[in-house]
Protein backbone atom coordinates (compact mmCIF):
# COMPACT_ATOMS: atom_id res chain seq x y z
CA MET A 1 40.87 -17.20 -12.78
CA THR A 2 38.08 -15.31 -10.97
CA MET A 3 34.56 -16.55 -10.27
CA ARG A 4 31.97 -14.13 -11.62
CA VAL A 5 28.61 -13.54 -9.88
CA LEU A 6 25.75 -11.43 -11.21
CA ILE A 7 22.88 -10.34 -8.96
CA ALA A 8 19.66 -9.05 -10.52
CA GLY A 9 18.15 -6.60 -8.04
CA SER A 10 19.69 -4.71 -5.12
CA GLY A 11 16.63 -4.62 -2.87
CA VAL A 12 16.50 -6.57 0.35
CA ALA A 13 17.98 -10.02 -0.46
CA GLY A 14 20.09 -8.81 -3.38
CA GLY A 15 21.63 -5.98 -1.42
CA VAL A 16 22.54 -8.18 1.56
CA ILE A 17 24.09 -10.85 -0.68
CA ALA A 18 26.01 -8.28 -2.72
CA ALA A 19 27.37 -6.67 0.45
CA ALA A 20 28.67 -9.99 1.78
CA LEU A 21 30.05 -11.40 -1.48
CA ARG A 22 31.98 -8.25 -2.41
CA GLU A 23 34.19 -8.87 0.62
CA ILE A 24 35.33 -12.29 -0.65
CA GLU A 25 38.69 -12.21 -2.42
CA GLY A 26 38.61 -13.98 -5.77
CA LEU A 27 35.03 -13.03 -6.64
CA GLU A 28 33.87 -10.52 -9.20
CA VAL A 29 30.43 -9.35 -8.09
CA ILE A 30 28.11 -7.13 -10.13
CA CYS A 31 24.67 -6.21 -8.80
CA LEU A 32 22.35 -4.85 -11.50
CA GLU A 33 19.64 -2.46 -10.30
CA ARG A 34 17.06 -0.93 -12.64
CA VAL A 35 16.45 2.26 -10.62
CA ASP A 36 18.94 5.07 -10.01
CA SER A 37 21.03 5.42 -6.87
CA ALA A 38 18.33 7.50 -5.17
CA GLY A 39 15.58 5.06 -6.08
CA HIS A 40 15.24 3.80 -2.53
CA ALA A 41 14.41 7.33 -1.38
CA ARG A 42 11.16 7.12 -3.35
CA ALA A 43 10.12 3.77 -1.84
CA GLY A 44 7.34 4.99 0.45
CA ASN A 45 5.45 3.35 3.28
CA GLY A 46 6.72 1.11 6.01
CA LEU A 47 7.06 -2.50 7.01
CA ASN A 48 7.83 -4.64 10.00
CA ILE A 49 10.90 -6.89 9.99
CA GLY A 50 10.30 -9.99 12.09
CA PRO A 51 12.53 -11.11 14.97
CA ASN A 52 13.59 -14.10 12.87
CA ALA A 53 15.33 -11.80 10.36
CA VAL A 54 16.98 -9.86 13.20
CA THR A 55 18.37 -13.13 14.58
CA ALA A 56 19.60 -14.22 11.15
CA LEU A 57 21.30 -10.86 10.50
CA ALA A 58 22.95 -10.91 13.91
CA HIS A 59 24.74 -14.13 12.90
CA SER A 60 25.43 -13.34 9.25
CA SER A 61 25.59 -9.54 8.77
CA PRO A 62 25.86 -7.81 12.15
CA GLY A 63 27.11 -4.58 10.60
CA LEU A 64 24.02 -4.28 8.42
CA LEU A 65 21.78 -5.11 11.37
CA ALA A 66 23.36 -2.26 13.33
CA ARG A 67 22.62 0.15 10.46
CA LEU A 68 19.01 -1.03 10.27
CA GLN A 69 18.56 -0.58 14.01
CA GLN A 70 19.81 2.99 13.72
CA VAL A 71 17.06 3.92 11.24
CA SER A 72 14.17 1.96 12.77
CA LEU A 73 12.18 1.47 15.94
CA PRO A 74 11.87 -1.80 17.86
CA TRP A 75 8.79 -3.92 17.34
CA LYS A 76 7.94 -5.60 20.63
CA SER A 77 4.36 -6.89 20.41
CA TRP A 78 1.20 -7.58 18.43
CA HIS A 79 -2.05 -6.00 19.67
CA ALA A 80 -5.55 -6.57 18.29
CA ALA A 81 -8.87 -4.99 19.23
CA SER A 82 -12.29 -4.42 17.78
CA ILE A 83 -12.94 -1.14 15.97
CA GLU A 84 -14.77 -0.08 19.15
CA GLY A 85 -11.68 -0.76 21.26
CA ALA A 86 -12.50 -4.10 22.90
CA PRO A 87 -9.23 -6.07 23.39
CA LEU A 88 -9.04 -9.28 21.36
CA TRP A 89 -5.45 -10.52 21.47
CA ARG A 90 -1.99 -9.50 22.61
CA LEU A 91 1.31 -11.24 21.94
CA PRO A 92 4.55 -9.89 23.47
CA LEU A 93 7.30 -11.00 21.10
CA SER A 94 9.58 -11.68 24.05
CA GLU A 95 7.41 -14.75 24.74
CA VAL A 96 7.94 -16.30 21.31
CA ALA A 97 11.16 -14.77 19.91
CA HIS A 98 14.85 -14.36 20.67
CA ALA A 99 14.86 -10.65 19.76
CA ASP A 100 12.65 -7.67 19.02
CA GLY A 101 11.55 -7.04 15.47
CA LEU A 102 11.97 -3.72 13.67
CA ARG A 103 9.56 -1.05 12.37
CA ILE A 104 11.14 0.68 9.40
CA ARG A 105 10.41 2.62 6.23
CA TRP A 106 10.95 0.79 2.95
CA SER A 107 13.21 3.64 1.86
CA ASP A 108 15.47 3.21 4.88
CA LEU A 109 15.63 -0.56 4.43
CA TYR A 110 16.55 -0.24 0.75
CA GLY A 111 19.02 2.53 1.50
CA ALA A 112 20.85 0.51 4.14
CA CYS A 113 21.07 -2.60 1.93
CA ARG A 114 22.31 -0.66 -1.08
CA MET A 115 24.79 1.32 0.98
CA ALA A 116 26.22 -1.94 2.31
CA ALA A 117 26.57 -3.30 -1.24
CA GLY A 118 28.40 -0.12 -2.23
CA PRO A 119 30.37 0.05 -5.48
CA VAL A 120 29.31 -3.35 -6.85
CA VAL A 121 25.82 -1.98 -7.60
CA SER A 122 25.32 -0.81 -11.19
CA TYR A 123 22.31 1.52 -11.14
CA CYS A 124 19.91 2.24 -14.01
CA SER A 125 20.75 -1.25 -15.31
CA GLU A 126 17.75 -3.42 -16.08
CA VAL A 127 18.31 -7.08 -16.89
CA LEU A 128 16.26 -7.78 -20.02
CA ALA A 129 17.06 -11.43 -20.64
CA ALA A 130 19.36 -14.25 -19.55
CA THR A 131 20.81 -17.14 -21.55
CA VAL A 132 22.40 -20.20 -19.98
CA ALA A 133 25.18 -21.98 -21.90
CA ALA A 134 28.12 -24.23 -21.12
CA GLN A 135 30.39 -21.25 -20.52
CA GLY A 136 28.01 -19.58 -18.06
CA VAL A 137 25.01 -17.26 -17.84
CA SER A 138 24.92 -14.33 -20.25
CA VAL A 139 22.57 -11.40 -19.69
CA GLU A 140 21.28 -8.56 -21.82
CA VAL A 141 21.17 -5.30 -19.89
CA ALA A 142 19.69 -1.89 -20.67
CA THR A 143 21.87 0.74 -18.98
CA ASP A 144 20.68 4.33 -19.27
CA GLY A 145 18.65 3.26 -22.29
CA ARG A 146 21.51 1.49 -24.10
CA ARG A 147 21.31 -2.27 -24.57
CA ARG A 148 24.47 -4.30 -24.03
CA SER A 149 25.59 -7.87 -23.35
CA LEU A 150 27.69 -8.72 -20.32
CA PRO A 151 30.38 -11.40 -20.34
CA PRO A 152 29.15 -14.79 -19.10
CA ALA A 153 28.92 -15.23 -15.34
CA ASP A 154 29.34 -18.42 -13.35
CA LEU A 155 26.27 -17.67 -11.22
CA LEU A 156 23.19 -15.48 -11.62
CA ILE A 157 21.22 -14.66 -8.45
CA VAL A 158 17.70 -13.44 -9.21
CA ALA A 159 16.40 -11.06 -6.52
CA GLU A 160 13.91 -9.03 -8.53
CA GLY A 161 10.83 -9.48 -6.36
CA ARG A 162 7.53 -11.29 -6.82
CA PHE A 163 7.01 -10.10 -10.39
CA SER A 164 10.44 -11.25 -11.59
CA ALA A 165 10.59 -11.25 -15.39
CA LEU A 166 13.78 -13.32 -15.27
CA ARG A 167 12.12 -16.11 -13.31
CA ALA A 168 9.24 -16.19 -15.80
CA GLN A 169 11.70 -16.31 -18.70
CA LEU A 170 13.95 -18.99 -17.25
CA VAL A 171 11.47 -21.40 -15.63
CA GLY A 172 8.05 -20.18 -16.80
CA PRO A 173 5.44 -17.99 -15.11
CA PRO A 174 4.86 -19.04 -11.49
CA GLY A 175 1.62 -20.58 -10.34
CA ILE A 176 -0.38 -18.01 -8.36
CA ARG A 177 -2.85 -18.64 -5.52
CA HIS A 178 -5.07 -15.72 -4.51
CA LEU A 179 -6.11 -15.42 -0.88
CA GLY A 180 -9.23 -13.34 -1.42
CA VAL A 181 -8.07 -10.16 0.34
CA ALA A 182 -7.35 -6.66 -0.97
CA ASN A 183 -4.71 -4.51 0.73
CA PHE A 184 -4.07 -0.78 0.78
CA ARG A 185 -1.24 1.05 2.49
CA VAL A 186 -0.35 4.69 3.11
CA LEU A 187 1.77 6.90 5.37
CA LEU A 188 -0.09 9.36 7.61
CA ASP A 189 1.02 12.38 9.63
CA ASP A 190 -0.83 12.88 12.90
CA GLY A 191 1.66 15.39 14.28
CA GLY A 192 2.48 12.91 17.03
CA ALA A 193 -0.96 13.31 18.59
CA LEU A 194 -2.24 9.72 18.48
CA ALA A 195 -1.67 7.22 21.27
CA ILE A 196 -0.18 4.70 18.86
CA ASP A 197 3.28 3.21 18.81
CA ASP A 198 3.88 -0.51 18.41
CA LEU A 199 2.04 -2.75 15.94
CA GLU A 200 -1.71 -2.57 16.52
CA GLN A 201 -4.75 -3.93 14.67
CA TRP A 202 -8.46 -3.16 14.72
CA TYR A 203 -11.24 -5.30 13.25
CA SER A 204 -14.63 -4.27 11.93
CA GLY A 205 -15.91 -7.69 10.92
CA PRO A 206 -13.23 -9.11 8.57
CA ASN A 207 -12.10 -5.59 7.63
CA ARG A 208 -8.78 -4.94 9.38
CA LEU A 209 -6.68 -1.85 10.01
CA LEU A 210 -3.02 -2.38 10.95
CA ALA A 211 -0.82 0.52 12.02
CA PHE A 212 2.42 1.42 13.76
CA ARG A 213 4.59 4.48 14.22
CA LEU A 214 7.89 4.90 12.38
CA ARG A 215 11.11 6.55 13.48
CA ASP A 216 10.34 9.78 11.61
CA GLY A 217 7.06 10.11 13.50
CA LEU A 218 4.75 9.13 10.64
CA ILE A 219 2.19 6.35 10.98
CA TYR A 220 2.18 3.43 8.59
CA LEU A 221 -1.38 2.28 7.92
CA SER A 222 -2.43 -0.86 6.08
CA GLY A 223 -6.02 -1.87 5.43
CA ASN A 224 -7.39 -5.30 4.48
CA LEU A 225 -10.79 -6.00 2.93
CA PRO A 226 -12.30 -9.25 1.60
CA LEU A 227 -12.18 -9.68 -2.18
CA SER A 228 -13.25 -12.53 -4.43
CA PRO A 229 -10.08 -14.60 -5.08
CA GLY A 230 -8.45 -13.63 -8.37
CA ARG A 231 -10.64 -10.56 -8.89
CA ASP A 232 -8.99 -7.20 -9.57
CA VAL A 233 -9.54 -4.60 -6.85
CA PRO A 234 -12.63 -2.68 -8.05
CA GLU A 235 -12.43 1.11 -8.23
CA GLU A 236 -15.46 1.48 -5.97
CA MET A 237 -13.57 -0.32 -3.17
CA LYS A 238 -10.90 2.38 -3.30
CA ALA A 239 -13.40 5.20 -2.66
CA ALA A 240 -13.65 6.98 0.67
CA SER A 241 -17.36 6.17 0.93
CA PHE A 242 -16.67 2.43 0.62
CA LEU A 243 -13.90 2.51 3.23
CA ARG A 244 -15.99 4.52 5.66
CA GLU A 245 -18.90 2.11 5.43
CA ALA A 246 -16.63 -0.95 5.65
CA TYR A 247 -14.83 0.16 8.80
CA LEU A 248 -17.55 2.24 10.48
CA PRO A 249 -20.88 0.53 9.86
CA ALA A 250 -24.13 1.95 11.19
CA ALA A 251 -24.40 2.06 14.99
CA CYS A 252 -20.62 1.57 15.35
CA ARG A 253 -19.00 3.62 18.11
CA PRO A 254 -15.30 3.48 17.19
CA ALA A 255 -12.51 4.05 19.65
CA PRO A 256 -10.62 7.35 19.11
CA VAL A 257 -7.50 5.93 17.44
CA PRO A 258 -9.19 3.75 14.80
CA ALA A 259 -11.76 6.54 14.22
CA TRP A 260 -8.93 8.93 13.36
CA LEU A 261 -7.24 6.31 11.16
CA VAL A 262 -10.44 5.66 9.19
CA ALA A 263 -10.96 9.40 8.66
CA ALA A 264 -7.34 9.83 7.56
CA ALA A 265 -7.62 6.83 5.22
CA CYS A 266 -10.71 8.33 3.62
CA ASP A 267 -8.95 11.69 3.19
CA SER A 268 -5.84 10.14 1.61
CA THR A 269 -7.32 7.81 -1.03
CA PRO A 270 -5.29 9.30 -3.94
CA ARG A 271 -2.09 8.21 -2.16
CA HIS A 272 -3.15 4.64 -1.39
CA HIS A 273 -1.17 1.78 -2.88
CA TRP A 274 -3.45 -1.21 -3.52
CA SER A 275 -2.57 -4.87 -4.04
CA ARG A 276 -4.06 -8.35 -3.71
CA ALA A 277 -2.87 -10.90 -1.19
CA GLN A 278 -1.45 -13.87 -3.05
CA GLU A 279 1.37 -16.39 -3.09
CA ILE A 280 3.44 -17.99 -5.83
CA ALA A 281 4.80 -21.51 -6.16
CA PRO A 282 8.36 -21.65 -4.76
CA CYS A 283 11.39 -22.08 -7.01
CA TYR A 284 14.96 -21.87 -5.75
CA SER A 285 17.24 -22.64 -8.68
CA ALA A 286 17.53 -23.49 -12.37
CA ALA A 287 20.12 -24.54 -14.92
CA GLY A 288 21.93 -26.92 -12.58
CA GLY A 289 22.56 -24.25 -9.98
CA ARG A 290 23.88 -21.58 -12.35
CA VAL A 291 20.73 -19.57 -11.58
CA MET A 292 19.36 -19.15 -8.05
CA PHE A 293 16.23 -17.35 -6.85
CA VAL A 294 15.93 -15.56 -3.50
CA GLY A 295 13.32 -13.53 -1.64
CA ASP A 296 9.97 -12.84 -3.27
CA ALA A 297 11.34 -14.00 -6.63
CA ALA A 298 11.60 -17.45 -5.05
CA HIS A 299 8.52 -17.64 -2.81
CA ALA A 300 6.27 -14.57 -2.51
CA MET A 301 3.56 -15.20 0.09
CA ALA A 302 0.46 -13.72 1.69
CA PRO A 303 1.51 -10.62 3.67
CA THR A 304 -0.67 -11.18 6.74
CA LEU A 305 2.21 -11.92 9.14
CA GLY A 306 4.63 -9.44 7.58
CA GLN A 307 7.11 -12.13 6.54
CA GLY A 308 7.87 -11.04 2.96
CA ALA A 309 10.91 -8.82 3.53
CA THR A 310 11.72 -10.84 6.65
CA LEU A 311 12.12 -14.08 4.70
CA ALA A 312 14.05 -12.25 1.99
CA LEU A 313 16.55 -11.28 4.69
CA GLU A 314 16.56 -14.85 5.99
CA ASP A 315 17.20 -16.13 2.45
CA ALA A 316 20.10 -13.75 2.04
CA CYS A 317 21.68 -14.76 5.34
CA ALA A 318 21.27 -18.47 4.60
CA PHE A 319 22.76 -18.04 1.13
CA VAL A 320 25.70 -16.01 2.44
CA ASN A 321 26.47 -18.59 5.15
CA LEU A 322 26.39 -21.46 2.64
CA PHE A 323 28.39 -19.56 0.02
CA ARG A 324 31.12 -18.70 2.53
CA ALA A 325 31.32 -22.36 3.56
CA ALA A 326 31.41 -23.49 -0.07
CA TRP A 327 34.15 -20.99 -0.86
CA SER A 328 36.22 -22.22 2.09
CA ALA A 329 35.75 -25.82 0.92
CA LYS A 330 36.72 -25.05 -2.68
CA ALA A 331 40.08 -26.40 -3.75
CA ALA A 332 42.64 -23.63 -4.16
CA ARG A 333 43.14 -24.46 -7.84
CA GLU A 334 39.42 -24.32 -8.64
CA PRO A 335 38.05 -20.96 -9.89
CA CYS A 336 34.45 -21.79 -9.03
CA ILE A 337 32.55 -23.51 -6.26
CA ASP A 338 30.32 -26.57 -6.72
CA LEU A 339 27.19 -24.76 -7.90
CA PRO A 340 24.84 -27.78 -8.08
CA ARG A 341 25.75 -28.66 -4.51
CA LEU A 342 25.28 -25.05 -3.36
CA ALA A 343 21.84 -24.88 -5.00
CA HIS A 344 20.82 -28.21 -3.49
CA ARG A 345 21.94 -27.19 0.00
CA PHE A 346 20.23 -23.80 -0.24
CA GLU A 347 16.93 -25.38 -1.18
CA SER A 348 17.35 -28.03 1.52
CA VAL A 349 17.95 -25.35 4.14
CA ARG A 350 15.09 -23.12 3.00
CA ARG A 351 12.24 -25.18 1.59
CA GLU A 352 10.73 -26.74 4.72
CA ARG A 353 10.97 -23.52 6.72
CA VAL A 354 9.61 -21.32 3.95
CA ASP A 355 6.76 -23.77 3.28
CA PHE A 356 5.84 -23.67 6.97
CA ILE A 357 5.78 -19.87 7.10
CA ARG A 358 3.88 -19.61 3.81
CA GLN A 359 1.18 -21.91 5.15
CA PHE A 360 1.16 -20.18 8.54
CA SER A 361 0.69 -16.81 6.83
CA TRP A 362 -2.19 -18.27 4.82
CA ASP A 363 -3.85 -19.86 7.86
CA ALA A 364 -3.45 -16.69 9.94
CA SER A 365 -5.46 -14.82 7.28
CA ASP A 366 -8.68 -16.63 8.23
CA SER A 367 -10.04 -13.56 10.04
CA LEU A 368 -9.73 -11.44 6.87
CA LEU A 369 -11.93 -13.54 4.61
CA ALA A 370 -15.48 -12.78 3.57
CA GLY A 371 -18.01 -13.98 6.13
CA ALA A 372 -15.42 -14.63 8.85
CA ASP A 373 -16.29 -14.25 12.52
CA ALA A 374 -13.13 -12.19 12.80
CA GLU A 375 -13.24 -11.41 16.51
CA ALA A 376 -13.66 -15.07 17.46
CA LEU A 377 -10.87 -16.16 15.12
CA VAL A 378 -8.50 -13.51 16.47
CA ARG A 379 -9.21 -14.53 20.06
CA GLU A 380 -8.29 -18.10 19.15
CA LYS A 381 -4.78 -16.92 18.34
CA ALA A 382 -4.10 -16.49 22.05
CA GLY A 383 -4.18 -20.30 22.37
CA ALA A 384 -1.16 -22.54 22.85
CA ALA A 385 -1.24 -24.05 19.34
CA TRP A 386 -1.01 -20.64 17.68
CA ARG A 387 1.72 -19.47 20.06
CA GLU A 388 3.76 -22.57 19.26
CA ARG A 389 3.56 -21.69 15.56
CA PHE A 390 4.64 -18.10 16.26
CA ALA A 391 7.57 -19.40 18.30
CA ARG A 392 8.59 -21.78 15.53
CA MET A 393 8.49 -18.95 13.01
CA TYR A 394 10.34 -16.36 15.07
CA ARG A 395 12.91 -18.62 16.74
CA GLY A 396 13.62 -20.98 13.84
CA ALA A 397 16.06 -18.64 12.12
CA ALA A 398 18.58 -19.27 14.86
CA THR A 399 19.48 -22.57 13.16
CA LEU A 400 20.52 -20.87 9.90
CA ALA A 401 24.01 -20.19 11.17
CA ASP A 402 24.44 -23.89 11.94
CA ALA A 403 23.35 -25.19 8.51
CA ALA A 404 26.18 -27.30 7.11
CA TYR A 405 27.38 -27.01 3.53
């Protein structure tokens, strides 16, 4: 008898888990993805993958890490300056991490994860509902517009992202905490003219620009602006006139690079993707371990430190390591592993670390809040206490490979 695993979502965590589990003999793995097979090609913009995810992948999925490194650029340091170019803070990652991070396009990250998962991904298949019963977890799926029921699975892994409908259905809507920051992001083409490469930030009061160059030569730009917590992003904030005034106030003499970025941001407003910085209450499992949540579906957080996709990769690596150990420990005559124990161990391995990084991401956002003395707060981050927290975040993933089942 074969153990059956369903995965809802083939993004970051779902794709990594599907890729690893499909190699285990005795498992039937189906990964259900609502977009088509080229969906990742339309996932614009970029992101940084932290050194902690690189370390975790090196232990758990070295082949996937090699593919990601082929389609990305290394991320070696944080830089911060005022909008006028005065240096505020610099952190070489080599001082606080075991490896470089990565700068990558979302599309390339999704593409690599889905390629690794291969034939177990069923595209254009949206999970509409899940029902847990004694015989397993049954799901209703819409595939190419046709609704159907799949045979019960032993385990359902929910990797749908921060707005997971399955999590809301199975355990209720998550509690949300709003930071009080609006975010926009966009890709820009400077023709390679700007002196910008690794991750850099510029502050005009609490208004921040963050940018880095991607492998294809484009620049990823993200902007942060204070917003009343819980308020929708107002349309007037999205206008070029608002952005220009926010980043280039009267009497400001901006440095050349941020001046170009502000002008390009103002010229590209129709292409901006806006969101609000927020976090949700963590949840790792339900139904006695028959349902497990990973990535943003489990613990979406404030994006200030770029740990969203990074922790999704960490989650996936931790889950894969524990699942492999559980499978090895399973008695030969048993078709299924001890799911309650697996769920308990996964939460035990992840909760304290994720809680630390969630709080660190929240605390590190202090310079982005209304009324903040941003330059003073950013300079403080050069101190020993902040560096110790960065080191704990970036180096802590090395213990994932040693977590016992």
